[in-house]
Structures are given as structure tokens and as C-alpha cells.
Amino acid sequence: MVPAGEQIGVGGKLRGGAAAPAAAKRIIPAEILGDGTMAGVIGASALALFFLVIDTARREPLFTPSVMASALLRGESPATAGVDLSMVAAYSVLHGAAFVGIGVLAAWATALRHASVATFTLAIALFATLELSFLVTCIAIDRSLLEIVGVAPATVGNLLAAIGMAAYLHRWPHDAIEERDGHVHPPG
């Protein structure tokens, strides 16, 4: 692992003294963390807003995060759980942290390519990761969550989150990296 603040590729040499390819970009871990965090916040926000609309239309606002947190943290049956704002807050923190973690991993994987990953490819990979994470979590906690939350709404929400995250991360190579390396794009 590269220590914080140390550049992965520096001045034609990679960590350990090996010569870097001519096209190598200098990637600073703080940039990966920043972009990954922002992508995660975008994804988590997209999914949370989607479920706020779904919950408002189907039941009551904030039902899904409350039920998920009550089952995860308290072991309550999803069938009996109601809206508890403390559970909504707790789930928001856990949900946000999970998305930031996935966003950082996606930013890191994208940065390792030293080139932009196609938005569609990145969105499919993120969608698969988000959907699998949701399904495994629900099965591990309580299978009835799949029925109460709904697989179809979760799938649509995860797709929206993945598209938002991929659209944000698609701008690799990072503009600041290109400017630092003297590859400034002409305006327009």
C-alpha cells in the first residue's frame, strides 16, 4: 500500500525504482479517496432519495431505512418494525459508509487503468456490486426484507446509484492530474 500523500508514479519512476511507462499518470491517494468518497455520496444519495419517493408512495416516508436498520442492529422482525428516526439516522451512516467504501474501490480501480473506463462498463460493474451486496445483506439478516423492501425497487435504486457513481468517476484521468502533467485541454 502506498503511504498517504506519496505519489504512485513519480517522475518516470514507479514505487520501488522501476521505470514507469511514458503514459503513466501521477496518482495521489488523496485524489482517489476524494473522488471515491464523492462517488459514494452520489450513489448513496441517489438510492436514499429514490427510496424516499418509493416509501412515500407505498407506505410512509423513511420506512425502508428504518426497517433495514431495525433488522440489522436490533434484530427486529421487518414485519413488525415501524419508522424510528434513530434507526433511520443509524442506517444513513452505515449506508453512506458502505457506498463510500465501494466508491473508493471503484475510484482506485479506475485510477489504476491510467485511463478513463467506459461509463457503461463501470456502471455495470458498480450495479452488480451494489445489487449483490443488497441481496447478500438481506439474506444474511432476514429473508423477509427482500419481500418487505422489494427486490424490484432495490434493483432500480441500485441501478440509479451505479449510473450516478459511474458518471462521476468517468472523468478519469482526473483533470488535476492532466494539468499537473502539462496536458491542459484547450477551452471549449
Protein backbone atom coordinates (compact mmCIF):
# COMPACT_ATOMS: atom_id res chain seq x y z
CA MET A 1 0.00 0.00 0.00
CA VAL A 2 1.23 3.47 -0.83
CA PRO A 3 1.60 5.77 2.19
CA ALA A 4 -0.78 8.73 2.28
CA GLY A 5 0.49 11.65 0.25
CA GLU A 6 3.06 9.62 -1.70
CA GLN A 7 2.54 9.55 -5.44
CA ILE A 8 2.10 6.18 -7.11
CA GLY A 9 4.04 7.13 -10.25
CA VAL A 10 6.61 9.90 -9.88
CA GLY A 11 8.90 11.45 -12.48
CA GLY A 12 9.26 8.40 -14.73
CA LYS A 13 9.82 6.01 -11.82
CA LEU A 14 7.31 3.86 -10.01
CA ARG A 15 7.46 3.00 -6.35
CA GLY A 16 10.44 0.72 -5.87
CA GLY A 17 12.55 2.42 -8.55
CA ALA A 18 11.20 0.63 -11.64
CA ALA A 19 10.82 2.77 -14.75
CA ALA A 20 7.27 3.94 -15.38
CA PRO A 21 5.70 3.70 -18.83
CA ALA A 22 5.66 7.01 -20.67
CA ALA A 23 1.87 7.24 -20.44
CA ALA A 24 1.77 6.72 -16.65
CA LYS A 25 -0.10 9.38 -14.75
CA ARG A 26 0.81 10.50 -11.28
CA ILE A 27 -2.00 9.47 -8.97
CA ILE A 28 -2.10 10.78 -5.42
CA PRO A 29 -4.05 8.60 -2.95
CA ALA A 30 -5.88 11.67 -1.63
CA GLU A 31 -7.38 12.17 -5.08
CA ILE A 32 -8.59 8.57 -5.14
CA LEU A 33 -10.10 8.96 -1.67
CA GLY A 34 -11.73 12.25 -2.60
CA ASP A 35 -13.22 11.02 -5.84
CA GLY A 36 -14.28 7.71 -4.32
CA THR A 37 -15.92 9.48 -1.40
CA MET A 38 -17.79 11.82 -3.72
CA ALA A 39 -18.90 8.92 -5.95
CA GLY A 40 -20.11 7.04 -2.86
CA VAL A 41 -22.03 10.05 -1.58
CA ILE A 42 -23.65 10.45 -5.01
CA GLY A 43 -24.66 6.78 -5.09
CA ALA A 44 -25.94 6.67 -1.51
CA SER A 45 -27.89 9.90 -2.03
CA ALA A 46 -29.46 8.68 -5.27
CA LEU A 47 -30.62 5.46 -3.62
CA ALA A 48 -31.85 7.23 -0.47
CA LEU A 49 -33.85 9.78 -2.47
CA PHE A 50 -35.28 7.04 -4.67
CA PHE A 51 -36.47 5.10 -1.62
CA LEU A 52 -37.85 8.26 -0.02
CA VAL A 53 -40.10 8.65 -3.07
CA ILE A 54 -40.99 4.92 -3.12
CA ASP A 55 -41.69 4.81 0.63
CA THR A 56 -43.81 7.96 0.45
CA ALA A 57 -45.88 6.47 -2.38
CA ARG A 58 -46.21 2.93 -0.90
CA ARG A 59 -46.21 3.26 2.88
CA GLU A 60 -44.74 6.09 4.86
CA PRO A 61 -41.58 8.17 4.38
CA LEU A 62 -38.33 6.67 5.72
CA PHE A 63 -39.84 3.20 6.15
CA THR A 64 -37.10 1.32 4.28
CA PRO A 65 -34.04 2.67 6.13
CA SER A 66 -35.83 2.25 9.46
CA VAL A 67 -36.79 -1.37 8.74
CA MET A 68 -33.32 -2.23 7.43
CA ALA A 69 -31.60 -0.74 10.50
CA SER A 70 -34.08 -2.29 12.94
CA ALA A 71 -33.44 -5.73 11.45
CA LEU A 72 -29.67 -5.23 11.24
CA LEU A 73 -28.98 -3.51 14.56
CA ARG A 74 -31.81 -4.65 16.81
CA GLY A 75 -32.70 -7.99 15.28
CA GLU A 76 -36.35 -6.95 14.99
CA SER A 77 -38.64 -8.68 12.57
CA PRO A 78 -39.17 -6.48 9.50
CA ALA A 79 -42.90 -7.29 9.61
CA THR A 80 -43.32 -5.54 12.97
CA ALA A 81 -40.87 -2.65 12.57
CA GLY A 82 -42.15 0.88 12.13
CA VAL A 83 -40.42 4.16 11.42
CA ASP A 84 -37.88 5.05 14.10
CA LEU A 85 -35.82 8.15 13.34
CA SER A 86 -32.86 6.90 15.41
CA MET A 87 -32.77 3.80 13.19
CA VAL A 88 -33.02 5.99 10.08
CA ALA A 89 -30.01 8.01 11.29
CA ALA A 90 -28.03 4.87 12.13
CA TYR A 91 -28.82 3.29 8.77
CA SER A 92 -27.88 6.50 6.95
CA VAL A 93 -24.41 6.34 8.50
CA LEU A 94 -23.95 2.62 7.68
CA HIS A 95 -25.39 3.03 4.19
CA GLY A 96 -23.21 6.05 3.46
CA ALA A 97 -20.07 4.31 4.73
CA ALA A 98 -20.76 1.24 2.59
CA PHE A 99 -21.25 3.37 -0.51
CA VAL A 100 -18.14 5.43 0.19
CA GLY A 101 -16.15 2.20 0.54
CA ILE A 102 -17.45 0.92 -2.80
CA GLY A 103 -16.82 4.35 -4.36
CA VAL A 104 -13.20 4.41 -3.15
CA LEU A 105 -12.61 0.92 -4.53
CA ALA A 106 -14.12 1.94 -7.86
CA ALA A 107 -12.01 5.12 -7.99
CA TRP A 108 -8.89 3.12 -7.15
CA ALA A 109 -9.62 0.51 -9.84
CA THR A 110 -10.32 3.26 -12.36
CA ALA A 111 -7.13 5.14 -11.45
CA LEU A 112 -5.03 2.01 -11.85
CA ARG A 113 -6.03 1.89 -15.51
CA HIS A 114 -4.46 5.35 -16.02
CA ALA A 115 -7.27 5.98 -18.47
CA SER A 116 -10.99 6.51 -18.44
CA VAL A 117 -13.14 3.42 -18.06
CA ALA A 118 -16.24 3.40 -20.26
CA THR A 119 -19.16 4.73 -18.26
CA PHE A 120 -21.36 1.78 -19.28
CA THR A 121 -18.75 -0.77 -18.17
CA LEU A 122 -18.19 0.99 -14.86
CA ALA A 123 -21.95 1.32 -14.28
CA ILE A 124 -22.49 -2.41 -14.90
CA ALA A 125 -19.67 -3.35 -12.52
CA LEU A 126 -20.96 -0.97 -9.83
CA PHE A 127 -24.55 -2.16 -10.32
CA ALA A 128 -23.52 -5.79 -9.94
CA THR A 129 -21.57 -4.95 -6.76
CA LEU A 130 -24.41 -2.91 -5.25
CA GLU A 131 -27.12 -5.42 -6.12
CA LEU A 132 -25.13 -8.40 -4.86
CA SER A 133 -24.34 -6.52 -1.64
CA PHE A 134 -28.03 -5.77 -1.09
CA LEU A 135 -29.15 -9.33 -1.75
CA VAL A 136 -26.46 -10.92 0.42
CA THR A 137 -27.14 -8.47 3.26
CA CYS A 138 -30.88 -9.11 3.20
CA ILE A 139 -30.43 -12.88 3.08
CA ALA A 140 -27.91 -12.76 5.94
CA ILE A 141 -30.12 -10.57 8.15
CA ASP A 142 -33.67 -11.71 7.39
CA ARG A 143 -35.01 -13.07 4.10
CA SER A 144 -38.32 -11.28 4.63
CA LEU A 145 -36.51 -7.98 3.99
CA LEU A 146 -36.42 -8.90 0.31
CA GLU A 147 -40.21 -9.03 0.29
CA ILE A 148 -40.84 -6.00 2.51
CA VAL A 149 -38.29 -3.68 0.87
CA GLY A 150 -38.84 -5.20 -2.56
CA VAL A 151 -36.26 -6.60 -4.92
CA ALA A 152 -37.56 -4.60 -7.91
CA PRO A 153 -37.35 -1.17 -6.21
CA ALA A 154 -33.93 -2.04 -4.80
CA THR A 155 -32.74 -3.08 -8.26
CA VAL A 156 -33.94 0.16 -9.84
CA GLY A 157 -32.44 2.20 -7.00
CA ASN A 158 -29.10 0.40 -7.26
CA LEU A 159 -29.09 0.97 -11.00
CA LEU A 160 -29.65 4.71 -10.49
CA ALA A 161 -26.90 4.80 -7.86
CA ALA A 162 -24.48 2.92 -10.12
CA ILE A 163 -25.17 5.24 -13.05
CA GLY A 164 -24.58 8.32 -10.88
CA MET A 165 -21.35 6.91 -9.45
CA ALA A 166 -20.07 5.83 -12.88
CA ALA A 167 -20.90 9.19 -14.44
CA TYR A 168 -18.89 10.95 -11.74
CA LEU A 169 -15.92 8.58 -11.97
CA HIS A 170 -15.93 8.60 -15.77
CA ARG A 171 -13.91 11.81 -15.83
CA TRP A 172 -10.67 9.88 -15.14
CA PRO A 173 -7.92 10.66 -15.85
CA HIS A 174 -8.54 13.29 -13.24
CA ASP A 175 -8.38 16.86 -14.52
CA ALA A 176 -5.89 17.89 -11.83
CA ILE A 177 -3.55 15.05 -12.87
CA GLU A 178 -3.64 16.14 -16.50
CA GLU A 179 -2.94 19.75 -15.55
CA ARG A 180 -0.04 18.72 -13.30
CA ASP A 181 1.46 16.72 -16.16
CA GLY A 182 1.11 19.61 -18.62
CA HIS A 183 -1.79 18.15 -20.63
CA VAL A 184 -4.15 21.09 -20.32
CA HIS A 185 -7.18 20.84 -22.61
CA PRO A 186 -8.00 23.83 -24.80
CA PRO A 187 -11.20 25.65 -23.78
CA GLY A 188 -14.45 24.66 -25.50
